[in-house]
């Protein structure tokens, strides 16, 4: 539990604060906040992390490839399961396909595998973020949004971050400080907005949310352990990859549901239920990975 609590508790505390703010008449504007997080906060977070990371060049390609294969697996299996269950792909498929590799996956990996594990986890987070901001946004919108998705600032943020890391570019102090401020705001704003929304709704369709949560984390475990073996990951990179794969539903899926009026209450319920479930599943995964 010493590994889990530092990552899980902040999520619930900030969501609870957003809940309390809404109950006292100080609710956050969901549309404006979602736009700010997706177009400013996340690119700053990704760029600043990548630009200051020391990469192992031999691992970057294999980690990125394994992550892309894992996401493809989630999309295919998730789509089949939703079709069989008669559920809307637009609403639920992004939640099944894109795990919370940021505000849960990164700190968990750091605690479990140290700085090298965190460096590896950032690569996985970058690939997942690009996929979520592009394919995930298109699916949630329910119509062609590829032009807008491909113009997402997350893509140049990743490219520039990797270039700076490989070229050992030292950013000026004013830029570093600005990026740190923007990055530090992103996750808290996201969770405050989630709590604000939850203050207005009840968690509905619990059996459905629970079943889909088990599917999300179960698919992650299958993909994580299988692909780690196929690609020969060992040590910190194996821990990083499997932990990232087995994370619950990413909060960004709720943001897109909010932006495109895509059953945000159902998606919020799935985020909460899967996150609570991860409190049980993550210690099991870590017990297997970390002696």
C-alpha atoms as a PDB file:
ATOM      1  CA  UNK A   1       0.000   0.000   0.000  1.00  0.00           C
ATOM      2  CA  UNK A   2       2.979   2.349   0.421  1.00  0.00           C
ATOM      3  CA  UNK A   3       3.298   2.352  -3.376  1.00  0.00           C
ATOM      4  CA  UNK A   4      -0.404   2.748  -4.117  1.00  0.00           C
ATOM      5  CA  UNK A   5      -1.587   5.407  -1.687  1.00  0.00           C
ATOM      6  CA  UNK A   6       0.676   8.262  -2.853  1.00  0.00           C
ATOM      7  CA  UNK A   7      -0.737   7.861  -6.377  1.00  0.00           C
ATOM      8  CA  UNK A   8      -4.377   7.004  -5.636  1.00  0.00           C
ATOM      9  CA  UNK A   9      -5.178   9.340  -2.742  1.00  0.00           C
ATOM     10  CA  UNK A  10      -4.457  12.618  -4.585  1.00  0.00           C
ATOM     11  CA  UNK A  11      -6.930  11.601  -7.277  1.00  0.00           C
ATOM     12  CA  UNK A  12      -9.761  11.135  -4.812  1.00  0.00           C
ATOM     13  CA  UNK A  13      -8.842  14.175  -2.740  1.00  0.00           C
ATOM     14  CA  UNK A  14      -8.894  16.542  -5.725  1.00  0.00           C
ATOM     15  CA  UNK A  15     -12.063  15.002  -7.149  1.00  0.00           C
ATOM     16  CA  UNK A  16     -13.659  15.427  -3.716  1.00  0.00           C
ATOM     17  CA  UNK A  17     -12.607  19.088  -3.695  1.00  0.00           C
ATOM     18  CA  UNK A  18     -14.254  19.594  -7.081  1.00  0.00           C
ATOM     19  CA  UNK A  19     -17.345  17.856  -5.714  1.00  0.00           C
ATOM     20  CA  UNK A  20     -17.408  20.210  -2.708  1.00  0.00           C
ATOM     21  CA  UNK A  21     -16.937  23.270  -4.911  1.00  0.00           C
ATOM     22  CA  UNK A  22     -19.950  22.311  -7.011  1.00  0.00           C
ATOM     23  CA  UNK A  23     -22.079  21.665  -3.939  1.00  0.00           C
ATOM     24  CA  UNK A  24     -21.293  25.170  -2.668  1.00  0.00           C
ATOM     25  CA  UNK A  25     -22.178  26.849  -5.961  1.00  0.00           C
ATOM     26  CA  UNK A  26     -18.640  27.202  -7.332  1.00  0.00           C
ATOM     27  CA  UNK A  27     -18.741  24.640 -10.135  1.00  0.00           C
ATOM     28  CA  UNK A  28     -16.022  24.724 -12.792  1.00  0.00           C
ATOM     29  CA  UNK A  29     -17.007  25.515 -16.403  1.00  0.00           C
ATOM     30  CA  UNK A  30     -16.538  22.106 -17.985  1.00  0.00           C
ATOM     31  CA  UNK A  31     -16.274  23.156 -21.643  1.00  0.00           C
ATOM     32  CA  UNK A  32     -13.708  25.901 -21.100  1.00  0.00           C
ATOM     33  CA  UNK A  33     -11.650  23.818 -18.691  1.00  0.00           C
ATOM     34  CA  UNK A  34     -11.651  20.800 -21.017  1.00  0.00           C
ATOM     35  CA  UNK A  35     -10.429  22.984 -23.880  1.00  0.00           C
ATOM     36  CA  UNK A  36      -7.681  24.489 -21.696  1.00  0.00           C
ATOM     37  CA  UNK A  37      -6.474  21.096 -20.520  1.00  0.00           C
ATOM     38  CA  UNK A  38      -6.491  19.460 -23.967  1.00  0.00           C
ATOM     39  CA  UNK A  39      -4.858  22.297 -25.917  1.00  0.00           C
ATOM     40  CA  UNK A  40      -2.520  23.939 -23.403  1.00  0.00           C
ATOM     41  CA  UNK A  41      -1.953  21.886 -20.251  1.00  0.00           C
ATOM     42  CA  UNK A  42      -1.318  18.448 -21.722  1.00  0.00           C
ATOM     43  CA  UNK A  43       1.111  19.614 -24.453  1.00  0.00           C
ATOM     44  CA  UNK A  44       3.080  21.510 -21.811  1.00  0.00           C
ATOM     45  CA  UNK A  45       3.155  18.454 -19.550  1.00  0.00           C
ATOM     46  CA  UNK A  46       4.304  16.101 -22.314  1.00  0.00           C
ATOM     47  CA  UNK A  47       6.910  18.452 -23.768  1.00  0.00           C
ATOM     48  CA  UNK A  48       8.455  19.352 -20.423  1.00  0.00           C
ATOM     49  CA  UNK A  49       8.690  15.695 -19.372  1.00  0.00           C
ATOM     50  CA  UNK A  50      10.160  14.508 -22.661  1.00  0.00           C
ATOM     51  CA  UNK A  51      12.578  17.409 -23.072  1.00  0.00           C
ATOM     52  CA  UNK A  52      14.196  16.714 -19.709  1.00  0.00           C
ATOM     53  CA  UNK A  53      14.286  12.906 -19.956  1.00  0.00           C
ATOM     54  CA  UNK A  54      17.410  10.841 -20.595  1.00  0.00           C
ATOM     55  CA  UNK A  55      16.437   8.205 -23.128  1.00  0.00           C
ATOM     56  CA  UNK A  56      17.849   4.785 -23.838  1.00  0.00           C
ATOM     57  CA  UNK A  57      17.691   4.924 -27.665  1.00  0.00           C
ATOM     58  CA  UNK A  58      17.447   1.136 -28.006  1.00  0.00           C
ATOM     59  CA  UNK A  59      14.256   1.061 -25.938  1.00  0.00           C
ATOM     60  CA  UNK A  60      12.331   3.966 -27.461  1.00  0.00           C
ATOM     61  CA  UNK A  61      11.298   2.166 -30.639  1.00  0.00           C
ATOM     62  CA  UNK A  62      10.345  -1.091 -28.939  1.00  0.00           C
ATOM     63  CA  UNK A  63       8.372   0.629 -26.173  1.00  0.00           C
ATOM     64  CA  UNK A  64       6.530   2.791 -28.703  1.00  0.00           C
ATOM     65  CA  UNK A  65       5.789  -0.215 -30.937  1.00  0.00           C
ATOM     66  CA  UNK A  66       4.583  -2.360 -28.051  1.00  0.00           C
ATOM     67  CA  UNK A  67       2.316   0.449 -26.843  1.00  0.00           C
ATOM     68  CA  UNK A  68       0.823   0.913 -30.308  1.00  0.00           C
ATOM     69  CA  UNK A  69       0.138  -2.827 -30.561  1.00  0.00           C
ATOM     70  CA  UNK A  70      -1.467  -2.831 -27.112  1.00  0.00           C
ATOM     71  CA  UNK A  71      -3.800   0.041 -28.032  1.00  0.00           C
ATOM     72  CA  UNK A  72      -4.767  -1.720 -31.264  1.00  0.00           C
ATOM     73  CA  UNK A  73      -5.567  -4.817 -29.226  1.00  0.00           C
ATOM     74  CA  UNK A  74      -7.783  -2.788 -26.876  1.00  0.00           C
ATOM     75  CA  UNK A  75      -9.634  -1.209 -29.802  1.00  0.00           C
ATOM     76  CA  UNK A  76     -10.337  -4.518 -31.528  1.00  0.00           C
ATOM     77  CA  UNK A  77     -11.304  -6.534 -28.452  1.00  0.00           C
ATOM     78  CA  UNK A  78     -13.231  -3.605 -26.987  1.00  0.00           C
ATOM     79  CA  UNK A  79     -15.210  -3.040 -30.178  1.00  0.00           C
ATOM     80  CA  UNK A  80     -16.144  -6.729 -30.380  1.00  0.00           C
ATOM     81  CA  UNK A  81     -17.228  -6.817 -26.732  1.00  0.00           C
ATOM     82  CA  UNK A  82     -19.316  -3.639 -27.059  1.00  0.00           C
ATOM     83  CA  UNK A  83     -20.998  -4.877 -30.221  1.00  0.00           C
ATOM     84  CA  UNK A  84     -21.906  -8.148 -28.529  1.00  0.00           C
ATOM     85  CA  UNK A  85     -23.268  -6.228 -25.520  1.00  0.00           C
ATOM     86  CA  UNK A  86     -25.223  -3.784 -27.676  1.00  0.00           C
ATOM     87  CA  UNK A  87     -23.392  -0.748 -26.248  1.00  0.00           C
ATOM     88  CA  UNK A  88     -22.376   2.409 -28.112  1.00  0.00           C
ATOM     89  CA  UNK A  89     -18.835   2.336 -29.449  1.00  0.00           C
ATOM     90  CA  UNK A  90     -18.693   6.123 -29.493  1.00  0.00           C
ATOM     91  CA  UNK A  91     -19.355   6.326 -25.756  1.00  0.00           C
ATOM     92  CA  UNK A  92     -17.409   3.389 -24.358  1.00  0.00           C
ATOM     93  CA  UNK A  93     -14.653   2.374 -26.804  1.00  0.00           C
ATOM     94  CA  UNK A  94     -12.265   5.245 -25.959  1.00  0.00           C
ATOM     95  CA  UNK A  95     -12.570   4.338 -22.268  1.00  0.00           C
ATOM     96  CA  UNK A  96     -11.597   0.747 -23.002  1.00  0.00           C
ATOM     97  CA  UNK A  97      -8.752   1.668 -25.331  1.00  0.00           C
ATOM     98  CA  UNK A  98      -6.919   4.427 -23.487  1.00  0.00           C
ATOM     99  CA  UNK A  99      -5.679   3.789 -19.935  1.00  0.00           C
ATOM    100  CA  UNK A 100      -4.732   6.420 -17.378  1.00  0.00           C
ATOM    101  CA  UNK A 101      -1.023   6.345 -18.164  1.00  0.00           C
ATOM    102  CA  UNK A 102      -0.476   9.899 -16.938  1.00  0.00           C
ATOM    103  CA  UNK A 103      -1.599  10.966 -13.497  1.00  0.00           C
ATOM    104  CA  UNK A 104      -1.730   7.368 -12.209  1.00  0.00           C
ATOM    105  CA  UNK A 105       0.702   5.472 -14.419  1.00  0.00           C
ATOM    106  CA  UNK A 106       3.639   7.861 -14.133  1.00  0.00           C
ATOM    107  CA  UNK A 107       3.788   8.182 -10.334  1.00  0.00           C
ATOM    108  CA  UNK A 108       3.108   4.483  -9.819  1.00  0.00           C
ATOM    109  CA  UNK A 109       5.962   3.583 -12.144  1.00  0.00           C
ATOM    110  CA  UNK A 110       8.287   6.010 -10.402  1.00  0.00           C
ATOM    111  CA  UNK A 111       7.518   4.460  -6.998  1.00  0.00           C
ATOM    112  CA  UNK A 112       7.810   0.902  -8.332  1.00  0.00           C
ATOM    113  CA  UNK A 113      10.760   1.164 -10.740  1.00  0.00           C
ATOM    114  CA  UNK A 114      12.629   4.367  -9.942  1.00  0.00           C
ATOM    115  CA  UNK A 115      13.768   7.101 -12.304  1.00  0.00           C
ATOM    116  CA  UNK A 116      14.630   4.733 -15.153  1.00  0.00           C
ATOM    117  CA  UNK A 117      11.170   3.224 -14.975  1.00  0.00           C
ATOM    118  CA  UNK A 118       9.670   6.712 -15.066  1.00  0.00           C
ATOM    119  CA  UNK A 119      11.699   7.573 -18.179  1.00  0.00           C
ATOM    120  CA  UNK A 120      10.325   4.464 -19.900  1.00  0.00           C
ATOM    121  CA  UNK A 121       6.795   5.223 -18.706  1.00  0.00           C
ATOM    122  CA  UNK A 122       6.973   8.697 -20.261  1.00  0.00           C
ATOM    123  CA  UNK A 123       7.496   7.124 -23.700  1.00  0.00           C
ATOM    124  CA  UNK A 124       4.418   4.953 -23.192  1.00  0.00           C
ATOM    125  CA  UNK A 125       2.461   7.955 -21.932  1.00  0.00           C
ATOM    126  CA  UNK A 126       3.455   9.998 -25.007  1.00  0.00           C
ATOM    127  CA  UNK A 127       2.292   7.326 -27.469  1.00  0.00           C
ATOM    128  CA  UNK A 128      -0.939   6.787 -25.534  1.00  0.00           C
ATOM    129  CA  UNK A 129      -1.597  10.529 -25.372  1.00  0.00           C
ATOM    130  CA  UNK A 130      -1.161  10.972 -29.131  1.00  0.00           C
ATOM    131  CA  UNK A 131      -3.519   8.064 -29.806  1.00  0.00           C
ATOM    132  CA  UNK A 132      -6.061   9.393 -27.317  1.00  0.00           C
ATOM    133  CA  UNK A 133      -5.926  12.939 -28.657  1.00  0.00           C
ATOM    134  CA  UNK A 134      -6.320  11.751 -32.252  1.00  0.00           C
ATOM    135  CA  UNK A 135      -8.192   8.434 -32.581  1.00  0.00           C
ATOM    136  CA  UNK A 136      -9.861   8.743 -29.183  1.00  0.00           C
ATOM    137  CA  UNK A 137     -11.141  12.214 -29.978  1.00  0.00           C
ATOM    138  CA  UNK A 138     -12.459  11.112 -33.386  1.00  0.00           C
ATOM    139  CA  UNK A 139     -14.345   8.183 -31.844  1.00  0.00           C
ATOM    140  CA  UNK A 140     -15.827  10.347 -29.073  1.00  0.00           C
ATOM    141  CA  UNK A 141     -16.891  13.043 -31.541  1.00  0.00           C
ATOM    142  CA  UNK A 142     -18.824  10.470 -33.561  1.00  0.00           C
ATOM    143  CA  UNK A 143     -17.837  12.047 -36.857  1.00  0.00           C
ATOM    144  CA  UNK A 144     -14.757  12.818 -38.897  1.00  0.00           C
ATOM    145  CA  UNK A 145     -12.473  14.966 -36.808  1.00  0.00           C
ATOM    146  CA  UNK A 146      -9.135  13.843 -38.187  1.00  0.00           C
ATOM    147  CA  UNK A 147      -8.170  17.302 -39.411  1.00  0.00           C
ATOM    148  CA  UNK A 148      -8.789  18.847 -36.024  1.00  0.00           C
ATOM    149  CA  UNK A 149      -7.295  15.871 -34.204  1.00  0.00           C
ATOM    150  CA  UNK A 150      -4.081  15.926 -36.245  1.00  0.00           C
ATOM    151  CA  UNK A 151      -3.723  19.627 -35.501  1.00  0.00           C
ATOM    152  CA  UNK A 152      -3.695  18.819 -31.802  1.00  0.00           C
ATOM    153  CA  UNK A 153      -0.719  20.501 -30.106  1.00  0.00           C
ATOM    154  CA  UNK A 154       0.124  17.195 -28.403  1.00  0.00           C
ATOM    155  CA  UNK A 155       1.811  15.998 -31.627  1.00  0.00           C
ATOM    156  CA  UNK A 156       4.350  18.834 -32.025  1.00  0.00           C
ATOM    157  CA  UNK A 157       4.841  18.752 -28.246  1.00  0.00           C
ATOM    158  CA  UNK A 158       5.994  15.113 -28.461  1.00  0.00           C
ATOM    159  CA  UNK A 159       8.163  15.713 -31.536  1.00  0.00           C
ATOM    160  CA  UNK A 160       9.862  18.776 -30.083  1.00  0.00           C
ATOM    161  CA  UNK A 161      10.286  17.115 -26.692  1.00  0.00           C
ATOM    162  CA  UNK A 162      12.046  14.100 -28.194  1.00  0.00           C
ATOM    163  CA  UNK A 163      14.260  16.330 -30.357  1.00  0.00           C
ATOM    164  CA  UNK A 164      15.281  18.406 -27.332  1.00  0.00           C
ATOM    165  CA  UNK A 165      16.031  15.269 -25.329  1.00  0.00           C
ATOM    166  CA  UNK A 166      18.177  13.665 -28.015  1.00  0.00           C
ATOM    167  CA  UNK A 167      19.988  16.919 -28.838  1.00  0.00           C
ATOM    168  CA  UNK A 168      20.537  17.633 -25.125  1.00  0.00           C
ATOM    169  CA  UNK A 169      18.980  21.076 -25.516  1.00  0.00           C
ATOM    170  CA  UNK A 170      18.992  23.132 -22.327  1.00  0.00           C
ATOM    171  CA  UNK A 171      15.808  25.181 -22.103  1.00  0.00           C
ATOM    172  CA  UNK A 172      16.040  28.733 -20.774  1.00  0.00           C
ATOM    173  CA  UNK A 173      14.955  29.175 -17.192  1.00  0.00           C
ATOM    174  CA  UNK A 174      11.913  31.291 -18.057  1.00  0.00           C
ATOM    175  CA  UNK A 175      10.601  28.603 -20.409  1.00  0.00           C
ATOM    176  CA  UNK A 176      11.241  25.806 -17.925  1.00  0.00           C
ATOM    177  CA  UNK A 177       9.436  27.688 -15.181  1.00  0.00           C
ATOM    178  CA  UNK A 178       6.474  28.468 -17.447  1.00  0.00           C
ATOM    179  CA  UNK A 179       6.155  24.846 -18.563  1.00  0.00           C
ATOM    180  CA  UNK A 180       6.342  23.638 -14.987  1.00  0.00           C
ATOM    181  CA  UNK A 181       3.523  25.985 -13.990  1.00  0.00           C
ATOM    182  CA  UNK A 182       1.313  24.844 -16.863  1.00  0.00           C
ATOM    183  CA  UNK A 183       2.138  21.178 -16.273  1.00  0.00           C
ATOM    184  CA  UNK A 184       1.415  21.422 -12.571  1.00  0.00           C
ATOM    185  CA  UNK A 185      -2.045  22.855 -13.300  1.00  0.00           C
ATOM    186  CA  UNK A 186      -3.159  20.205 -15.783  1.00  0.00           C
ATOM    187  CA  UNK A 187      -3.910  17.172 -13.627  1.00  0.00           C
ATOM    188  CA  UNK A 188      -5.482  19.114 -10.735  1.00  0.00           C
ATOM    189  CA  UNK A 189      -7.813  20.975 -13.132  1.00  0.00           C
ATOM    190  CA  UNK A 190      -8.798  17.721 -14.789  1.00  0.00           C
ATOM    191  CA  UNK A 191      -9.674  16.073 -11.493  1.00  0.00           C
ATOM    192  CA  UNK A 192     -11.448  19.147 -10.100  1.00  0.00           C
ATOM    193  CA  UNK A 193     -13.639  19.215 -13.192  1.00  0.00           C
ATOM    194  CA  UNK A 194     -14.404  15.521 -12.822  1.00  0.00           C
ATOM    195  CA  UNK A 195     -15.440  16.050  -9.204  1.00  0.00           C
ATOM    196  CA  UNK A 196     -17.616  19.005 -10.223  1.00  0.00           C
ATOM    197  CA  UNK A 197     -19.479  16.850 -12.725  1.00  0.00           C
ATOM    198  CA  UNK A 198     -19.906  13.984 -10.262  1.00  0.00           C
ATOM    199  CA  UNK A 199     -21.549  16.393  -7.814  1.00  0.00           C
ATOM    200  CA  UNK A 200     -24.415  16.776 -10.274  1.00  0.00           C
ATOM    201  CA  UNK A 201     -24.947  13.133 -11.158  1.00  0.00           C
ATOM    202  CA  UNK A 202     -25.291   9.722  -9.633  1.00  0.00           C
ATOM    203  CA  UNK A 203     -23.061   6.844 -10.631  1.00  0.00           C
ATOM    204  CA  UNK A 204     -25.459   5.028 -12.885  1.00  0.00           C
ATOM    205  CA  UNK A 205     -25.372   1.659 -14.528  1.00  0.00           C
ATOM    206  CA  UNK A 206     -23.017   0.268 -11.905  1.00  0.00           C
ATOM    207  CA  UNK A 207     -23.109  -3.363 -13.173  1.00  0.00           C
ATOM    208  CA  UNK A 208     -22.242  -2.131 -16.680  1.00  0.00           C
ATOM    209  CA  UNK A 209     -19.496   0.170 -15.394  1.00  0.00           C
ATOM    210  CA  UNK A 210     -18.078  -2.628 -13.244  1.00  0.00           C
ATOM    211  CA  UNK A 211     -18.064  -5.115 -16.139  1.00  0.00           C
ATOM    212  CA  UNK A 212     -16.383  -2.662 -18.489  1.00  0.00           C
ATOM    213  CA  UNK A 213     -13.864  -1.746 -15.802  1.00  0.00           C
ATOM    214  CA  UNK A 214     -12.898  -5.404 -15.420  1.00  0.00           C
ATOM    215  CA  UNK A 215     -12.582  -5.631 -19.216  1.00  0.00           C
ATOM    216  CA  UNK A 216     -10.355  -2.510 -19.380  1.00  0.00           C
ATOM    217  CA  UNK A 217      -7.938  -3.686 -16.704  1.00  0.00           C
ATOM    218  CA  UNK A 218      -8.124  -7.327 -17.801  1.00  0.00           C
ATOM    219  CA  UNK A 219      -7.230  -6.455 -21.401  1.00  0.00           C
ATOM    220  CA  UNK A 220      -4.363  -4.378 -20.074  1.00  0.00           C
ATOM    221  CA  UNK A 221      -3.010  -7.276 -18.037  1.00  0.00           C
ATOM    222  CA  UNK A 222      -3.193  -9.668 -20.999  1.00  0.00           C
ATOM    223  CA  UNK A 223      -1.534  -7.201 -23.363  1.00  0.00           C
ATOM    224  CA  UNK A 224       1.031  -6.051 -20.806  1.00  0.00           C
ATOM    225  CA  UNK A 225       2.374  -9.425 -19.741  1.00  0.00           C
ATOM    226  CA  UNK A 226       2.164 -10.932 -23.244  1.00  0.00           C
ATOM    227  CA  UNK A 227       3.855  -8.080 -25.109  1.00  0.00           C
ATOM    228  CA  UNK A 228       6.491  -7.643 -22.407  1.00  0.00           C
ATOM    229  CA  UNK A 229       7.460 -11.280 -22.975  1.00  0.00           C
ATOM    230  CA  UNK A 230       7.343 -10.961 -26.784  1.00  0.00           C
ATOM    231  CA  UNK A 231       9.521  -7.830 -26.832  1.00  0.00           C
ATOM    232  CA  UNK A 232      11.849  -9.165 -24.150  1.00  0.00           C
ATOM    233  CA  UNK A 233      11.326  -6.355 -21.660  1.00  0.00           C
ATOM    234  CA  UNK A 234      13.125  -6.820 -18.368  1.00  0.00           C
ATOM    235  CA  UNK A 235      13.757  -4.748 -15.269  1.00  0.00           C
ATOM    236  CA  UNK A 236      12.355  -1.205 -15.132  1.00  0.00           C
ATOM    237  CA  UNK A 237      10.972  -1.234 -18.678  1.00  0.00           C
ATOM    238  CA  UNK A 238       8.957  -4.389 -17.965  1.00  0.00           C
ATOM    239  CA  UNK A 239       7.501  -2.849 -14.811  1.00  0.00           C
ATOM    240  CA  UNK A 240       6.759   0.416 -16.614  1.00  0.00           C
ATOM    241  CA  UNK A 241       5.051  -1.242 -19.571  1.00  0.00           C
ATOM    242  CA  UNK A 242       2.855  -3.616 -17.584  1.00  0.00           C
ATOM    243  CA  UNK A 243       1.874  -1.006 -14.992  1.00  0.00           C
ATOM    244  CA  UNK A 244       0.880   1.440 -17.748  1.00  0.00           C
ATOM    245  CA  UNK A 245      -1.151  -1.228 -19.565  1.00  0.00           C
ATOM    246  CA  UNK A 246      -3.116  -2.161 -16.439  1.00  0.00           C
ATOM    247  CA  UNK A 247      -4.193   1.355 -15.505  1.00  0.00           C
ATOM    248  CA  UNK A 248      -7.911   2.265 -15.247  1.00  0.00           C
ATOM    249  CA  UNK A 249      -9.839   4.472 -17.668  1.00  0.00           C
ATOM    250  CA  UNK A 250      -8.076   7.738 -18.517  1.00  0.00           C
ATOM    251  CA  UNK A 251      -9.789  10.899 -17.307  1.00  0.00           C
ATOM    252  CA  UNK A 252      -9.225  12.436 -20.745  1.00  0.00           C
ATOM    253  CA  UNK A 253     -11.974  10.173 -22.082  1.00  0.00           C
ATOM    254  CA  UNK A 254     -14.355  11.983 -19.778  1.00  0.00           C
ATOM    255  CA  UNK A 255     -13.063  15.325 -21.051  1.00  0.00           C
ATOM    256  CA  UNK A 256     -13.847  14.382 -24.636  1.00  0.00           C
ATOM    257  CA  UNK A 257     -17.258  13.054 -23.624  1.00  0.00           C
ATOM    258  CA  UNK A 258     -17.890  16.446 -22.032  1.00  0.00           C
ATOM    259  CA  UNK A 259     -16.649  18.368 -25.066  1.00  0.00           C
ATOM    260  CA  UNK A 260     -18.780  16.406 -27.545  1.00  0.00           C
ATOM    261  CA  UNK A 261     -21.843  15.815 -25.323  1.00  0.00           C
ATOM    262  CA  UNK A 262     -21.192  12.082 -25.521  1.00  0.00           C
ATOM    263  CA  UNK A 263     -22.931  10.611 -22.429  1.00  0.00           C
ATOM    264  CA  UNK A 264     -20.423  12.215 -20.005  1.00  0.00           C
ATOM    265  CA  UNK A 265     -22.248  10.809 -16.968  1.00  0.00           C
ATOM    266  CA  UNK A 266     -21.743   7.238 -18.183  1.00  0.00           C
ATOM    267  CA  UNK A 267     -18.094   7.868 -18.981  1.00  0.00           C
ATOM    268  CA  UNK A 268     -17.550   9.563 -15.598  1.00  0.00           C
ATOM    269  CA  UNK A 269     -19.061   6.539 -13.868  1.00  0.00           C
ATOM    270  CA  UNK A 270     -16.662   4.271 -15.734  1.00  0.00           C
ATOM    271  CA  UNK A 271     -13.683   6.440 -14.774  1.00  0.00           C
ATOM    272  CA  UNK A 272     -14.618   6.314 -11.094  1.00  0.00           C
ATOM    273  CA  UNK A 273     -15.481   2.599 -10.938  1.00  0.00           C
ATOM    274  CA  UNK A 274     -12.352   1.532 -12.836  1.00  0.00           C
ATOM    275  CA  UNK A 275     -10.160   3.755 -10.650  1.00  0.00           C
ATOM    276  CA  UNK A 276     -11.627   2.225  -7.501  1.00  0.00           C
ATOM    277  CA  UNK A 277     -11.104  -1.243  -8.979  1.00  0.00           C
ATOM    278  CA  UNK A 278      -7.464  -0.387  -9.678  1.00  0.00           C
ATOM    279  CA  UNK A 279      -6.914   0.062  -5.946  1.00  0.00           C
ATOM    280  CA  UNK A 280      -7.405  -3.708  -5.738  1.00  0.00           C
ATOM    281  CA  UNK A 281      -5.751  -4.798  -8.985  1.00  0.00           C
ATOM    282  CA  UNK A 282      -2.630  -2.611  -8.957  1.00  0.00           C
ATOM    283  CA  UNK A 283      -1.161  -4.076  -5.739  1.00  0.00           C
ATOM    284  CA  UNK A 284      -1.625  -7.543  -7.264  1.00  0.00           C
ATOM    285  CA  UNK A 285       0.205  -6.502 -10.418  1.00  0.00           C
ATOM    286  CA  UNK A 286       3.001  -4.874  -8.446  1.00  0.00           C
ATOM    287  CA  UNK A 287       3.326  -7.928  -6.202  1.00  0.00           C
ATOM    288  CA  UNK A 288       4.006  -9.973  -9.341  1.00  0.00           C
ATOM    289  CA  UNK A 289       6.397  -7.453 -10.867  1.00  0.00           C
ATOM    290  CA  UNK A 290       8.336  -6.205  -7.839  1.00  0.00           C
ATOM    291  CA  UNK A 291       9.874  -8.890  -5.587  1.00  0.00           C
END
